[in-house]
């Protein structure tokens, strides 16, 4: 399984931001603008919380297993793999959604926040971007928790122990 790459997430964020900024500009020229829902940052924050709530118990169980504590419950490898896939998928979607709302927020800032409604929309868009960043951070944390330790053979080029 490949690790998340921050460059891919930043690229998705930027591409979605540019496309949504252009779309918001076009939509506004037609007379209306779709709103940023209040639920957007809330849903992203809940996803981040679920990722963190998944990572901490896994980390504790893996630590207990590595330290060979008596009565330690092992972690099913398939469960850990599913958790990592959930985190990676969440990070990719969060980067797209945060970029989309970020582009709309930038458009609203440039266009002017002369009304209370637009000011609220900018706040919701900014909160969505922040919550999306929290999802990405939680996904990286979950991925780090579930990462397998490096084999010693890999560190020494497959030749066993290093010469003395």
N, C-alpha and C. Protein backbone atom coordinates (compact mmCIF):
# COMPACT_ATOMS: atom_id res chain seq x y z
N UNK A 1 0.85 -1.16 0.00
CA UNK A 1 0.00 0.00 0.00
C UNK A 1 0.90 1.23 0.00
N UNK A 2 0.60 2.17 -0.88
CA UNK A 2 1.42 3.38 -0.97
C UNK A 2 0.97 4.41 0.06
N UNK A 3 1.93 5.19 0.51
CA UNK A 3 1.65 6.23 1.48
C UNK A 3 1.02 7.44 0.80
N UNK A 4 0.31 8.24 1.60
CA UNK A 4 -0.21 9.50 1.11
C UNK A 4 0.94 10.42 0.78
N UNK A 5 0.78 11.20 -0.23
CA UNK A 5 1.80 12.18 -0.60
C UNK A 5 1.18 13.56 -0.45
N UNK A 6 1.86 14.42 0.27
CA UNK A 6 1.34 15.76 0.51
C UNK A 6 1.23 16.54 -0.80
N UNK A 7 2.12 16.27 -1.74
CA UNK A 7 2.08 16.96 -3.03
C UNK A 7 0.80 16.66 -3.80
N UNK A 8 0.36 15.41 -3.74
CA UNK A 8 -0.89 15.03 -4.42
C UNK A 8 -2.07 15.75 -3.78
N UNK A 9 -2.09 15.80 -2.45
CA UNK A 9 -3.18 16.46 -1.75
C UNK A 9 -3.19 17.96 -2.02
N UNK A 10 -2.02 18.59 -2.03
CA UNK A 10 -1.94 20.02 -2.33
C UNK A 10 -2.36 20.28 -3.77
N UNK A 11 -1.96 19.40 -4.68
CA UNK A 11 -2.38 19.55 -6.08
C UNK A 11 -3.88 19.43 -6.25
N UNK A 12 -4.49 18.45 -5.57
CA UNK A 12 -5.95 18.32 -5.62
C UNK A 12 -6.63 19.55 -5.03
N UNK A 13 -6.11 20.03 -3.90
CA UNK A 13 -6.66 21.22 -3.27
C UNK A 13 -6.59 22.42 -4.21
N UNK A 14 -5.43 22.63 -4.82
CA UNK A 14 -5.25 23.77 -5.71
C UNK A 14 -6.12 23.65 -6.96
N UNK A 15 -6.17 22.47 -7.56
CA UNK A 15 -6.98 22.30 -8.77
C UNK A 15 -8.46 22.51 -8.47
N UNK A 16 -8.94 21.95 -7.37
CA UNK A 16 -10.34 22.14 -7.00
C UNK A 16 -10.62 23.60 -6.67
N UNK A 17 -9.66 24.27 -6.03
CA UNK A 17 -9.83 25.67 -5.71
C UNK A 17 -9.92 26.55 -6.94
N UNK A 18 -9.07 26.30 -7.91
CA UNK A 18 -9.09 27.09 -9.14
C UNK A 18 -10.38 26.86 -9.92
N UNK A 19 -10.77 25.61 -10.05
CA UNK A 19 -12.00 25.29 -10.78
C UNK A 19 -13.22 25.88 -10.08
N UNK A 20 -13.28 25.77 -8.76
CA UNK A 20 -14.45 26.30 -8.05
C UNK A 20 -14.45 27.82 -8.04
N UNK A 21 -13.27 28.45 -8.00
CA UNK A 21 -13.21 29.90 -8.09
C UNK A 21 -13.75 30.37 -9.44
N UNK A 22 -13.31 29.69 -10.51
CA UNK A 22 -13.80 30.05 -11.84
C UNK A 22 -15.30 29.77 -11.97
N UNK A 23 -15.74 28.66 -11.41
CA UNK A 23 -17.16 28.33 -11.45
C UNK A 23 -18.00 29.32 -10.65
N UNK A 24 -17.50 29.74 -9.50
CA UNK A 24 -18.22 30.72 -8.69
C UNK A 24 -18.29 32.06 -9.41
N UNK A 25 -17.22 32.40 -10.08
CA UNK A 25 -17.21 33.66 -10.84
C UNK A 25 -18.23 33.61 -11.98
N UNK A 26 -18.27 32.49 -12.68
CA UNK A 26 -19.23 32.33 -13.77
C UNK A 26 -20.65 32.31 -13.22
N UNK A 27 -20.87 31.58 -12.15
CA UNK A 27 -22.19 31.46 -11.56
C UNK A 27 -22.69 32.82 -11.06
N UNK A 28 -21.78 33.60 -10.47
CA UNK A 28 -22.14 34.92 -9.96
C UNK A 28 -22.50 35.87 -11.10
N UNK A 29 -21.86 35.69 -12.25
CA UNK A 29 -22.19 36.55 -13.40
C UNK A 29 -23.60 36.27 -13.91
N UNK A 30 -24.14 35.10 -13.60
CA UNK A 30 -25.51 34.76 -13.99
C UNK A 30 -26.53 35.28 -12.97
N UNK A 31 -26.07 35.82 -11.87
CA UNK A 31 -26.97 36.45 -10.92
C UNK A 31 -27.08 35.80 -9.56
N UNK A 32 -26.68 34.56 -9.41
CA UNK A 32 -26.75 33.90 -8.10
C UNK A 32 -25.44 33.21 -7.81
N UNK A 33 -25.30 32.77 -6.59
CA UNK A 33 -24.11 32.03 -6.20
C UNK A 33 -24.53 30.92 -5.26
N UNK A 34 -24.10 29.69 -5.51
CA UNK A 34 -24.45 28.63 -4.56
C UNK A 34 -23.81 28.90 -3.22
N UNK A 35 -24.52 28.55 -2.18
CA UNK A 35 -24.02 28.86 -0.84
C UNK A 35 -23.15 27.74 -0.30
N UNK A 36 -22.31 28.10 0.65
CA UNK A 36 -21.50 27.13 1.37
C UNK A 36 -22.35 26.67 2.56
N UNK A 37 -22.69 25.40 2.63
CA UNK A 37 -23.56 24.96 3.71
C UNK A 37 -22.86 25.01 5.07
N UNK A 38 -23.66 25.27 6.08
CA UNK A 38 -23.14 25.31 7.45
C UNK A 38 -22.62 23.94 7.84
N UNK A 39 -23.20 22.89 7.28
CA UNK A 39 -22.83 21.52 7.65
C UNK A 39 -21.47 21.10 7.08
N UNK A 40 -20.94 21.80 6.09
CA UNK A 40 -19.68 21.38 5.46
C UNK A 40 -18.53 21.29 6.46
N UNK A 41 -18.24 22.34 7.23
CA UNK A 41 -17.13 22.19 8.19
C UNK A 41 -17.46 21.21 9.31
N UNK A 42 -18.74 21.09 9.65
CA UNK A 42 -19.13 20.16 10.71
C UNK A 42 -18.87 18.72 10.29
N UNK A 43 -19.26 18.39 9.06
CA UNK A 43 -19.06 17.02 8.56
C UNK A 43 -17.57 16.71 8.46
N UNK A 44 -16.79 17.65 7.97
CA UNK A 44 -15.35 17.41 7.87
C UNK A 44 -14.72 17.25 9.26
N UNK A 45 -15.17 18.03 10.22
CA UNK A 45 -14.65 17.90 11.58
C UNK A 45 -15.03 16.56 12.19
N UNK A 46 -16.22 16.07 11.90
CA UNK A 46 -16.64 14.75 12.40
C UNK A 46 -15.77 13.66 11.79
N UNK A 47 -15.47 13.77 10.50
CA UNK A 47 -14.60 12.78 9.84
C UNK A 47 -13.21 12.80 10.48
N UNK A 48 -12.69 13.99 10.75
CA UNK A 48 -11.38 14.09 11.41
C UNK A 48 -11.43 13.46 12.80
N UNK A 49 -12.51 13.69 13.52
CA UNK A 49 -12.65 13.10 14.86
C UNK A 49 -12.72 11.58 14.79
N UNK A 50 -13.42 11.05 13.79
CA UNK A 50 -13.51 9.59 13.63
C UNK A 50 -12.14 9.00 13.31
N UNK A 51 -11.37 9.68 12.47
CA UNK A 51 -10.03 9.19 12.14
C UNK A 51 -9.14 9.17 13.38
N UNK A 52 -9.20 10.23 14.18
CA UNK A 52 -8.39 10.28 15.39
C UNK A 52 -8.87 9.24 16.40
N UNK A 53 -10.20 9.08 16.50
CA UNK A 53 -10.75 8.09 17.42
C UNK A 53 -10.42 6.67 16.98
N UNK A 54 -10.15 6.47 15.72
CA UNK A 54 -9.70 5.17 15.23
C UNK A 54 -8.21 4.97 15.49
N UNK A 55 -7.45 6.04 15.37
CA UNK A 55 -5.99 5.93 15.48
C UNK A 55 -5.52 5.66 16.92
N UNK A 56 -6.12 6.33 17.90
CA UNK A 56 -5.62 6.18 19.27
C UNK A 56 -5.76 4.76 19.82
N UNK A 57 -6.92 4.10 19.68
CA UNK A 57 -6.98 2.71 20.17
C UNK A 57 -6.04 1.76 19.41
N UNK A 58 -5.92 1.98 18.09
CA UNK A 58 -4.99 1.15 17.32
C UNK A 58 -3.55 1.36 17.81
N UNK A 59 -3.21 2.60 18.08
CA UNK A 59 -1.85 2.89 18.55
C UNK A 59 -1.59 2.22 19.90
N UNK A 60 -2.56 2.27 20.78
CA UNK A 60 -2.39 1.65 22.10
C UNK A 60 -2.26 0.14 21.97
N UNK A 61 -3.10 -0.46 21.13
CA UNK A 61 -3.03 -1.92 20.97
C UNK A 61 -1.74 -2.34 20.29
N UNK A 62 -1.29 -1.60 19.30
CA UNK A 62 -0.04 -1.93 18.62
C UNK A 62 1.16 -1.76 19.56
N UNK A 63 1.13 -0.71 20.37
CA UNK A 63 2.21 -0.50 21.33
C UNK A 63 2.27 -1.64 22.34
N UNK A 64 1.10 -2.05 22.84
CA UNK A 64 1.05 -3.16 23.80
C UNK A 64 1.54 -4.45 23.15
N UNK A 65 1.21 -4.64 21.90
CA UNK A 65 1.65 -5.85 21.18
C UNK A 65 3.16 -5.81 20.96
N UNK A 66 3.72 -4.67 20.60
CA UNK A 66 5.16 -4.56 20.36
C UNK A 66 5.96 -4.75 21.65
N UNK A 67 5.39 -4.25 22.76
CA UNK A 67 6.07 -4.38 24.04
C UNK A 67 5.81 -5.73 24.70
N UNK A 68 5.02 -6.56 24.05
CA UNK A 68 4.71 -7.92 24.52
C UNK A 68 4.15 -7.92 25.93
N UNK A 69 3.21 -7.02 26.16
CA UNK A 69 2.54 -6.98 27.46
C UNK A 69 1.64 -8.20 27.60
N UNK A 70 1.56 -8.77 28.80
CA UNK A 70 0.67 -9.91 28.99
C UNK A 70 -0.79 -9.48 28.81
N UNK A 71 -1.54 -10.29 28.09
CA UNK A 71 -2.96 -10.02 27.84
C UNK A 71 -3.21 -8.98 26.78
N UNK A 72 -2.18 -8.58 26.04
CA UNK A 72 -2.36 -7.57 25.00
C UNK A 72 -3.11 -8.17 23.82
N UNK A 73 -4.10 -7.45 23.36
CA UNK A 73 -4.85 -7.89 22.18
C UNK A 73 -4.09 -7.46 20.94
N UNK A 74 -3.98 -8.37 20.00
CA UNK A 74 -3.34 -8.05 18.75
C UNK A 74 -4.28 -7.26 17.85
N UNK A 75 -3.72 -6.73 16.79
CA UNK A 75 -4.50 -5.98 15.81
C UNK A 75 -4.58 -6.81 14.55
N UNK A 76 -5.79 -7.04 14.09
CA UNK A 76 -5.99 -7.76 12.84
C UNK A 76 -5.38 -6.93 11.70
N UNK A 77 -4.48 -7.51 10.91
CA UNK A 77 -3.86 -6.74 9.83
C UNK A 77 -4.89 -6.18 8.83
N UNK A 78 -5.96 -6.92 8.61
CA UNK A 78 -6.98 -6.44 7.68
C UNK A 78 -7.69 -5.22 8.26
N UNK A 79 -7.90 -5.20 9.56
CA UNK A 79 -8.51 -4.04 10.22
C UNK A 79 -7.61 -2.81 10.07
N UNK A 80 -6.34 -2.99 10.29
CA UNK A 80 -5.39 -1.88 10.14
C UNK A 80 -5.34 -1.39 8.70
N UNK A 81 -5.35 -2.31 7.75
CA UNK A 81 -5.34 -1.92 6.34
C UNK A 81 -6.61 -1.16 5.98
N UNK A 82 -7.75 -1.60 6.47
CA UNK A 82 -9.00 -0.89 6.20
C UNK A 82 -8.98 0.50 6.81
N UNK A 83 -8.42 0.63 7.99
CA UNK A 83 -8.33 1.93 8.65
C UNK A 83 -7.46 2.88 7.82
N UNK A 84 -6.35 2.39 7.30
CA UNK A 84 -5.47 3.21 6.49
C UNK A 84 -6.15 3.61 5.19
N UNK A 85 -6.86 2.69 4.57
CA UNK A 85 -7.57 3.02 3.33
C UNK A 85 -8.66 4.06 3.59
N UNK A 86 -9.37 3.91 4.72
CA UNK A 86 -10.37 4.90 5.10
C UNK A 86 -9.72 6.27 5.29
N UNK A 87 -8.58 6.31 5.94
CA UNK A 87 -7.88 7.57 6.15
C UNK A 87 -7.41 8.19 4.85
N UNK A 88 -6.86 7.37 3.96
CA UNK A 88 -6.38 7.90 2.69
C UNK A 88 -7.53 8.42 1.83
N UNK A 89 -8.62 7.68 1.78
CA UNK A 89 -9.78 8.13 1.01
C UNK A 89 -10.35 9.41 1.60
N UNK A 90 -10.41 9.47 2.91
CA UNK A 90 -10.92 10.68 3.57
C UNK A 90 -10.04 11.88 3.26
N UNK A 91 -8.73 11.68 3.26
CA UNK A 91 -7.81 12.79 2.98
C UNK A 91 -7.97 13.29 1.54
N UNK A 92 -8.12 12.36 0.60
CA UNK A 92 -8.29 12.77 -0.80
C UNK A 92 -9.59 13.55 -0.99
N UNK A 93 -10.67 13.05 -0.42
CA UNK A 93 -11.95 13.74 -0.54
C UNK A 93 -11.91 15.08 0.19
N UNK A 94 -11.29 15.12 1.36
CA UNK A 94 -11.20 16.36 2.11
C UNK A 94 -10.39 17.41 1.36
N UNK A 95 -9.33 16.99 0.68
CA UNK A 95 -8.54 17.94 -0.12
C UNK A 95 -9.39 18.53 -1.24
N UNK A 96 -10.18 17.70 -1.90
CA UNK A 96 -11.06 18.20 -2.96
C UNK A 96 -12.13 19.14 -2.42
N UNK A 97 -12.79 18.73 -1.35
CA UNK A 97 -13.87 19.54 -0.77
C UNK A 97 -13.32 20.85 -0.21
N UNK A 98 -12.21 20.78 0.50
CA UNK A 98 -11.61 22.00 1.05
C UNK A 98 -11.17 22.94 -0.07
N UNK A 99 -10.63 22.39 -1.14
CA UNK A 99 -10.26 23.22 -2.29
C UNK A 99 -11.47 23.87 -2.93
N UNK A 100 -12.55 23.12 -3.03
CA UNK A 100 -13.77 23.66 -3.63
C UNK A 100 -14.31 24.82 -2.79
N UNK A 101 -14.44 24.61 -1.49
CA UNK A 101 -14.95 25.68 -0.64
C UNK A 101 -13.94 26.81 -0.49
N UNK A 102 -12.67 26.48 -0.55
CA UNK A 102 -11.65 27.53 -0.51
C UNK A 102 -11.71 28.43 -1.73
N UNK A 103 -11.94 27.84 -2.90
CA UNK A 103 -12.08 28.64 -4.12
C UNK A 103 -13.28 29.57 -4.06
N UNK A 104 -14.39 29.06 -3.54
CA UNK A 104 -15.58 29.90 -3.38
C UNK A 104 -15.31 31.00 -2.37
N UNK A 105 -14.62 30.66 -1.28
CA UNK A 105 -14.29 31.66 -0.27
C UNK A 105 -13.39 32.75 -0.82
N UNK A 106 -12.39 32.37 -1.62
CA UNK A 106 -11.50 33.37 -2.23
C UNK A 106 -12.29 34.27 -3.17
N UNK A 107 -13.18 33.69 -3.96
CA UNK A 107 -14.01 34.51 -4.85
C UNK A 107 -14.83 35.52 -4.05
N UNK A 108 -15.44 35.05 -2.96
CA UNK A 108 -16.26 35.95 -2.14
C UNK A 108 -15.42 37.05 -1.50
N UNK A 109 -14.21 36.73 -1.10
CA UNK A 109 -13.32 37.75 -0.52
C UNK A 109 -12.92 38.79 -1.56
N UNK A 110 -12.60 38.34 -2.75
CA UNK A 110 -12.19 39.25 -3.81
C UNK A 110 -13.38 40.11 -4.26
N UNK A 111 -14.54 39.47 -4.37
CA UNK A 111 -15.73 40.17 -4.84
C UNK A 111 -16.25 41.17 -3.81
N UNK A 112 -15.97 40.92 -2.57
CA UNK A 112 -16.41 41.83 -1.51
C UNK A 112 -17.42 41.17 -0.59
N UNK A 113 -17.26 41.41 0.69
CA UNK A 113 -18.16 40.84 1.69
C UNK A 113 -19.02 41.96 2.26
N UNK A 114 -19.76 42.60 1.38
CA UNK A 114 -20.55 43.75 1.77
C UNK A 114 -21.83 43.40 2.53
N UNK A 115 -22.29 42.17 2.42
CA UNK A 115 -23.51 41.78 3.12
C UNK A 115 -23.18 40.74 4.20
N UNK A 116 -24.09 40.62 5.13
CA UNK A 116 -23.91 39.65 6.21
C UNK A 116 -23.91 38.22 5.68
N UNK A 117 -24.73 37.98 4.66
CA UNK A 117 -24.82 36.63 4.09
C UNK A 117 -23.48 36.23 3.47
N UNK A 118 -22.88 37.12 2.72
CA UNK A 118 -21.59 36.79 2.10
C UNK A 118 -20.49 36.65 3.15
N UNK A 119 -20.56 37.46 4.18
CA UNK A 119 -19.57 37.35 5.26
C UNK A 119 -19.69 35.98 5.93
N UNK A 120 -20.92 35.56 6.17
CA UNK A 120 -21.12 34.23 6.75
C UNK A 120 -20.62 33.13 5.82
N UNK A 121 -20.82 33.30 4.53
CA UNK A 121 -20.35 32.31 3.56
C UNK A 121 -18.83 32.21 3.57
N UNK A 122 -18.15 33.34 3.72
CA UNK A 122 -16.68 33.34 3.79
C UNK A 122 -16.23 32.61 5.06
N UNK A 123 -16.93 32.83 6.16
CA UNK A 123 -16.59 32.15 7.41
C UNK A 123 -16.79 30.64 7.28
N UNK A 124 -17.90 30.22 6.69
CA UNK A 124 -18.16 28.79 6.49
C UNK A 124 -17.12 28.18 5.56
N UNK A 125 -16.74 28.92 4.51
CA UNK A 125 -15.73 28.40 3.58
C UNK A 125 -14.38 28.26 4.27
N UNK A 126 -14.00 29.26 5.06
CA UNK A 126 -12.73 29.18 5.79
C UNK A 126 -12.73 28.06 6.80
N UNK A 127 -13.85 27.87 7.49
CA UNK A 127 -13.95 26.77 8.46
C UNK A 127 -13.87 25.42 7.75
N UNK A 128 -14.42 25.35 6.54
CA UNK A 128 -14.35 24.10 5.77
C UNK A 128 -12.92 23.78 5.37
N UNK A 129 -12.18 24.80 4.97
CA UNK A 129 -10.77 24.59 4.62
C UNK A 129 -9.98 24.12 5.84
N UNK A 130 -10.22 24.76 6.98
CA UNK A 130 -9.54 24.37 8.21
C UNK A 130 -9.90 22.95 8.63
N UNK A 131 -11.18 22.60 8.55
CA UNK A 131 -11.61 21.25 8.89
C UNK A 131 -11.04 20.22 7.91
N UNK A 132 -10.94 20.58 6.64
CA UNK A 132 -10.33 19.70 5.65
C UNK A 132 -8.86 19.44 5.97
N UNK A 133 -8.15 20.48 6.42
CA UNK A 133 -6.76 20.31 6.83
C UNK A 133 -6.66 19.39 8.05
N UNK A 134 -7.64 19.47 8.94
CA UNK A 134 -7.66 18.58 10.10
C UNK A 134 -7.87 17.12 9.68
N UNK A 135 -8.71 16.91 8.67
CA UNK A 135 -8.92 15.55 8.16
C UNK A 135 -7.62 15.01 7.58
N UNK A 136 -6.92 15.83 6.82
CA UNK A 136 -5.65 15.40 6.22
C UNK A 136 -4.63 15.08 7.32
N UNK A 137 -4.55 15.93 8.33
CA UNK A 137 -3.61 15.68 9.43
C UNK A 137 -3.97 14.40 10.17
N UNK A 138 -5.25 14.18 10.41
CA UNK A 138 -5.68 12.95 11.09
C UNK A 138 -5.39 11.73 10.24
N UNK A 139 -5.54 11.84 8.93
CA UNK A 139 -5.25 10.71 8.04
C UNK A 139 -3.76 10.38 8.06
N UNK A 140 -2.91 11.40 8.06
CA UNK A 140 -1.46 11.15 8.16
C UNK A 140 -1.12 10.50 9.50
N UNK A 141 -1.77 10.95 10.57
CA UNK A 141 -1.53 10.36 11.89
C UNK A 141 -1.95 8.89 11.90
N UNK A 142 -3.12 8.59 11.36
CA UNK A 142 -3.60 7.21 11.31
C UNK A 142 -2.67 6.34 10.48
N UNK A 143 -2.22 6.87 9.36
CA UNK A 143 -1.30 6.13 8.51
C UNK A 143 0.02 5.85 9.24
N UNK A 144 0.50 6.82 9.99
CA UNK A 144 1.75 6.65 10.73
C UNK A 144 1.59 5.62 11.84
N UNK A 145 0.42 5.62 12.49
CA UNK A 145 0.16 4.65 13.55
C UNK A 145 0.18 3.23 13.00
N UNK A 146 -0.40 3.04 11.84
CA UNK A 146 -0.55 1.69 11.28
C UNK A 146 0.65 1.25 10.44
N UNK A 147 1.66 2.09 10.31
CA UNK A 147 2.83 1.74 9.50
C UNK A 147 3.61 0.62 10.18
N UNK A 148 4.00 -0.34 9.39
CA UNK A 148 4.81 -1.44 9.91
C UNK A 148 6.23 -0.97 10.16
N UNK A 149 6.87 -1.50 11.20
CA UNK A 149 8.27 -1.12 11.42
C UNK A 149 9.14 -1.67 10.29
N UNK A 150 10.20 -0.95 10.01
CA UNK A 150 11.12 -1.36 8.95
C UNK A 150 11.83 -2.65 9.33
N UNK A 151 12.03 -3.50 8.34
CA UNK A 151 12.82 -4.70 8.58
C UNK A 151 14.29 -4.31 8.70
N UNK A 152 15.02 -5.02 9.56
CA UNK A 152 16.43 -4.71 9.73
C UNK A 152 17.21 -5.06 8.48
N UNK A 153 16.76 -6.07 7.73
CA UNK A 153 17.45 -6.43 6.50
C UNK A 153 17.37 -5.31 5.47
N UNK A 154 16.27 -4.59 5.44
CA UNK A 154 16.12 -3.50 4.48
C UNK A 154 17.07 -2.36 4.82
N UNK A 155 17.33 -2.12 6.09
CA UNK A 155 18.20 -1.02 6.50
C UNK A 155 19.66 -1.29 6.15
N UNK A 156 20.02 -2.55 5.99
CA UNK A 156 21.43 -2.88 5.73
C UNK A 156 21.61 -3.52 4.37
N UNK A 157 20.72 -3.20 3.45
CA UNK A 157 20.88 -3.69 2.08
C UNK A 157 20.70 -5.18 1.95
N UNK A 158 20.01 -5.84 2.88
CA UNK A 158 19.73 -7.26 2.78
C UNK A 158 20.91 -8.14 3.17
N UNK A 159 21.95 -7.58 3.81
CA UNK A 159 23.13 -8.36 4.15
C UNK A 159 23.17 -8.75 5.60
N UNK A 160 22.05 -8.58 6.32
CA UNK A 160 22.06 -8.94 7.73
C UNK A 160 22.60 -7.81 8.57
N UNK A 161 23.33 -8.16 9.62
CA UNK A 161 23.84 -7.14 10.54
C UNK A 161 25.00 -6.38 9.89
N UNK A 162 25.14 -5.15 10.34
CA UNK A 162 26.22 -4.31 9.81
C UNK A 162 27.54 -4.83 10.36
N UNK A 163 28.61 -4.71 9.59
CA UNK A 163 29.90 -5.16 10.07
C UNK A 163 30.37 -4.30 11.24
N UNK A 164 31.12 -4.93 12.14
CA UNK A 164 31.59 -4.23 13.34
C UNK A 164 32.79 -3.39 13.07
